[in-house]
N, C-alpha and C. Protein backbone atom coordinates (compact mmCIF):
# COMPACT_ATOMS: atom_id res chain seq x y z
N UNK A 1 0.85 -1.17 0.00
CA UNK A 1 0.00 0.00 0.00
C UNK A 1 0.90 1.24 0.00
N UNK A 2 0.64 2.15 -0.89
CA UNK A 2 1.42 3.37 -1.02
C UNK A 2 0.59 4.53 -0.49
N UNK A 3 1.22 5.36 0.37
CA UNK A 3 0.54 6.51 0.95
C UNK A 3 1.20 7.80 0.52
N UNK A 4 0.41 8.85 0.41
CA UNK A 4 0.93 10.17 0.10
C UNK A 4 1.65 10.73 1.33
N UNK A 5 2.46 11.74 1.12
CA UNK A 5 3.21 12.36 2.21
C UNK A 5 2.28 12.85 3.32
N UNK A 6 1.16 13.42 2.95
CA UNK A 6 0.16 13.90 3.91
C UNK A 6 -0.34 12.76 4.81
N UNK A 7 -0.60 11.61 4.19
CA UNK A 7 -1.07 10.45 4.95
C UNK A 7 0.01 9.94 5.90
N UNK A 8 1.26 9.95 5.44
CA UNK A 8 2.36 9.49 6.29
C UNK A 8 2.53 10.41 7.50
N UNK A 9 2.39 11.73 7.28
CA UNK A 9 2.47 12.68 8.40
C UNK A 9 1.37 12.43 9.41
N UNK A 10 0.15 12.21 8.91
CA UNK A 10 -0.99 11.95 9.79
C UNK A 10 -0.77 10.64 10.56
N UNK A 11 -0.27 9.62 9.88
CA UNK A 11 -0.01 8.34 10.54
C UNK A 11 1.03 8.51 11.64
N UNK A 12 2.06 9.29 11.37
CA UNK A 12 3.09 9.55 12.39
C UNK A 12 2.48 10.26 13.60
N UNK A 13 1.59 11.23 13.36
CA UNK A 13 0.93 11.93 14.47
C UNK A 13 0.08 10.97 15.30
N UNK A 14 -0.60 10.05 14.64
CA UNK A 14 -1.41 9.06 15.37
C UNK A 14 -0.49 8.15 16.18
N UNK A 15 0.59 7.67 15.59
CA UNK A 15 1.53 6.80 16.30
C UNK A 15 2.12 7.48 17.53
N UNK A 16 2.32 8.79 17.46
CA UNK A 16 2.87 9.53 18.59
C UNK A 16 1.80 9.92 19.62
N UNK A 17 0.55 9.52 19.38
CA UNK A 17 -0.52 9.79 20.33
C UNK A 17 -1.03 11.22 20.32
N UNK A 18 -0.85 11.92 19.20
CA UNK A 18 -1.22 13.33 19.13
C UNK A 18 -2.67 13.57 18.70
N UNK A 19 -3.33 12.54 18.14
CA UNK A 19 -4.68 12.72 17.60
C UNK A 19 -5.68 11.90 18.40
N UNK A 20 -6.76 12.56 18.83
CA UNK A 20 -7.87 11.88 19.49
C UNK A 20 -9.15 12.22 18.75
N UNK A 21 -10.20 11.48 19.05
CA UNK A 21 -11.50 11.73 18.43
C UNK A 21 -12.47 12.17 19.50
N UNK A 22 -13.08 13.33 19.30
CA UNK A 22 -14.14 13.76 20.21
C UNK A 22 -15.33 12.87 19.94
N UNK A 23 -15.77 12.19 20.97
CA UNK A 23 -16.91 11.29 20.83
C UNK A 23 -18.17 12.09 20.56
N UNK A 24 -18.97 11.62 19.64
CA UNK A 24 -20.21 12.31 19.30
C UNK A 24 -21.31 12.02 20.32
N UNK A 25 -21.29 12.73 21.44
CA UNK A 25 -22.34 12.54 22.43
C UNK A 25 -23.05 13.86 22.68
N UNK A 26 -24.23 13.79 23.20
CA UNK A 26 -25.08 14.94 23.48
C UNK A 26 -25.20 15.82 22.24
N UNK A 27 -25.40 15.20 21.11
CA UNK A 27 -25.62 15.93 19.87
C UNK A 27 -24.37 16.49 19.23
N UNK A 28 -23.21 16.33 19.87
CA UNK A 28 -21.96 16.85 19.30
C UNK A 28 -21.50 15.94 18.16
N UNK A 29 -20.91 16.55 17.18
CA UNK A 29 -20.39 15.81 16.03
C UNK A 29 -19.02 15.22 16.36
N UNK A 30 -18.76 14.00 15.89
CA UNK A 30 -17.45 13.39 16.07
C UNK A 30 -16.43 14.18 15.23
N UNK A 31 -15.28 14.52 15.82
CA UNK A 31 -14.23 15.22 15.08
C UNK A 31 -12.87 14.88 15.67
N UNK A 32 -11.82 15.18 14.90
CA UNK A 32 -10.45 14.92 15.35
C UNK A 32 -9.91 16.14 16.09
N UNK A 33 -9.27 15.87 17.22
CA UNK A 33 -8.64 16.91 18.03
C UNK A 33 -7.20 16.54 18.30
N UNK A 34 -6.37 17.56 18.54
CA UNK A 34 -5.01 17.30 19.03
C UNK A 34 -5.13 16.90 20.48
N UNK A 35 -4.34 15.95 20.92
CA UNK A 35 -4.40 15.50 22.31
C UNK A 35 -4.07 16.64 23.28
N UNK A 36 -3.30 17.63 22.84
CA UNK A 36 -2.96 18.78 23.67
C UNK A 36 -3.98 19.89 23.61
N UNK A 37 -5.00 19.73 22.76
CA UNK A 37 -6.04 20.75 22.63
C UNK A 37 -6.09 21.35 21.24
N UNK A 38 -7.27 21.70 20.81
CA UNK A 38 -7.47 22.30 19.49
C UNK A 38 -7.88 21.27 18.46
N UNK A 39 -8.50 21.78 17.41
CA UNK A 39 -8.99 20.91 16.34
C UNK A 39 -7.92 20.63 15.30
N UNK A 40 -7.86 19.40 14.84
CA UNK A 40 -6.93 19.00 13.77
C UNK A 40 -7.37 19.72 12.49
N UNK A 41 -6.42 20.29 11.71
CA UNK A 41 -6.80 21.01 10.48
C UNK A 41 -7.46 20.07 9.47
N UNK A 42 -8.30 20.63 8.59
CA UNK A 42 -9.08 19.81 7.65
C UNK A 42 -8.24 18.86 6.80
N UNK A 43 -7.09 19.30 6.29
CA UNK A 43 -6.27 18.42 5.44
C UNK A 43 -5.75 17.22 6.22
N UNK A 44 -5.41 17.39 7.48
CA UNK A 44 -4.94 16.24 8.27
C UNK A 44 -6.13 15.37 8.66
N UNK A 45 -7.28 15.98 8.95
CA UNK A 45 -8.49 15.20 9.26
C UNK A 45 -8.86 14.31 8.07
N UNK A 46 -8.74 14.83 6.86
CA UNK A 46 -9.04 14.03 5.67
C UNK A 46 -8.05 12.88 5.54
N UNK A 47 -6.78 13.14 5.84
CA UNK A 47 -5.77 12.08 5.78
C UNK A 47 -6.07 11.01 6.83
N UNK A 48 -6.47 11.41 8.03
CA UNK A 48 -6.81 10.44 9.08
C UNK A 48 -8.03 9.62 8.65
N UNK A 49 -9.02 10.26 8.02
CA UNK A 49 -10.17 9.51 7.49
C UNK A 49 -9.71 8.43 6.51
N UNK A 50 -8.78 8.79 5.61
CA UNK A 50 -8.28 7.80 4.65
C UNK A 50 -7.56 6.66 5.37
N UNK A 51 -6.79 6.98 6.40
CA UNK A 51 -6.09 5.95 7.16
C UNK A 51 -7.06 5.02 7.86
N UNK A 52 -8.14 5.57 8.42
CA UNK A 52 -9.16 4.74 9.08
C UNK A 52 -9.84 3.84 8.05
N UNK A 53 -10.15 4.40 6.88
CA UNK A 53 -10.82 3.63 5.83
C UNK A 53 -9.93 2.47 5.37
N UNK A 54 -8.62 2.70 5.32
CA UNK A 54 -7.67 1.66 4.88
C UNK A 54 -7.32 0.68 6.00
N UNK A 55 -7.80 0.95 7.21
CA UNK A 55 -7.52 0.06 8.33
C UNK A 55 -6.15 0.25 8.96
N UNK A 56 -5.50 1.39 8.69
CA UNK A 56 -4.17 1.64 9.24
C UNK A 56 -4.22 2.26 10.63
N UNK A 57 -5.33 2.88 10.98
CA UNK A 57 -5.54 3.38 12.33
C UNK A 57 -6.94 2.98 12.78
N UNK A 58 -7.09 2.82 14.08
CA UNK A 58 -8.38 2.42 14.63
C UNK A 58 -8.71 3.28 15.84
N UNK A 59 -9.97 3.46 16.07
CA UNK A 59 -10.46 4.23 17.20
C UNK A 59 -10.61 3.31 18.40
N UNK A 60 -10.06 3.71 19.52
CA UNK A 60 -10.19 2.95 20.76
C UNK A 60 -11.22 3.69 21.62
N UNK A 61 -12.45 3.24 21.57
CA UNK A 61 -13.54 3.94 22.29
C UNK A 61 -13.38 3.82 23.80
N UNK A 62 -13.57 4.93 24.46
CA UNK A 62 -13.59 4.96 25.92
C UNK A 62 -14.97 5.44 26.33
N UNK A 63 -15.86 4.53 26.72
CA UNK A 63 -17.22 4.92 27.10
C UNK A 63 -17.20 5.96 28.22
N UNK A 64 -18.01 6.98 28.05
CA UNK A 64 -18.13 8.02 29.06
C UNK A 64 -17.08 9.10 28.98
N UNK A 65 -16.03 8.90 28.19
CA UNK A 65 -14.97 9.90 28.05
C UNK A 65 -15.34 10.86 26.92
N UNK A 66 -14.96 12.12 27.03
CA UNK A 66 -15.27 13.07 25.96
C UNK A 66 -14.47 12.84 24.69
N UNK A 67 -13.31 12.16 24.80
CA UNK A 67 -12.48 11.89 23.62
C UNK A 67 -11.84 10.51 23.76
N UNK A 68 -11.62 9.88 22.61
CA UNK A 68 -11.00 8.56 22.56
C UNK A 68 -9.79 8.60 21.65
N UNK A 69 -8.73 7.89 22.01
CA UNK A 69 -7.52 7.92 21.19
C UNK A 69 -7.63 7.09 19.91
N UNK A 70 -6.87 7.52 18.91
CA UNK A 70 -6.67 6.73 17.70
C UNK A 70 -5.35 6.00 17.89
N UNK A 71 -5.28 4.77 17.42
CA UNK A 71 -4.05 3.99 17.49
C UNK A 71 -3.74 3.41 16.11
N UNK A 72 -2.45 3.28 15.83
CA UNK A 72 -2.02 2.67 14.58
C UNK A 72 -2.18 1.16 14.69
N UNK A 73 -2.59 0.54 13.60
CA UNK A 73 -2.67 -0.91 13.56
C UNK A 73 -1.30 -1.45 13.20
N UNK A 74 -1.16 -2.75 13.11
CA UNK A 74 0.15 -3.34 12.84
C UNK A 74 0.50 -3.39 11.35
N UNK A 75 -0.37 -2.88 10.48
CA UNK A 75 -0.07 -2.86 9.06
C UNK A 75 1.05 -1.86 8.78
N UNK A 76 1.93 -2.17 7.84
CA UNK A 76 3.08 -1.33 7.53
C UNK A 76 2.95 -0.77 6.11
N UNK A 77 2.51 0.48 5.97
CA UNK A 77 2.42 1.09 4.63
C UNK A 77 3.78 1.55 4.16
N UNK A 78 3.88 1.81 2.86
CA UNK A 78 5.11 2.38 2.31
C UNK A 78 4.85 3.81 1.89
N UNK A 79 5.88 4.60 1.84
CA UNK A 79 5.76 6.02 1.44
C UNK A 79 5.61 6.12 -0.08
N UNK A 80 5.04 7.23 -0.51
CA UNK A 80 4.85 7.48 -1.95
C UNK A 80 6.16 7.85 -2.60
């Protein structure tokens, strides 16, 4: 599997634990946040969506928590 540079950067951020998902509760929309605070920019959010679709990252749900971490799976992509 070949990934674009943008996807590789997003995957690295997930591996370093920098990206979490705000759980969609109480009518709030699910979105990607930096673990230190603030919203992930749209281009990186799109890259993370592609990684989730390809099965390279997975959401680890924490019931009752406002945000859940994304984790990298054991698949090894190659750079573009």
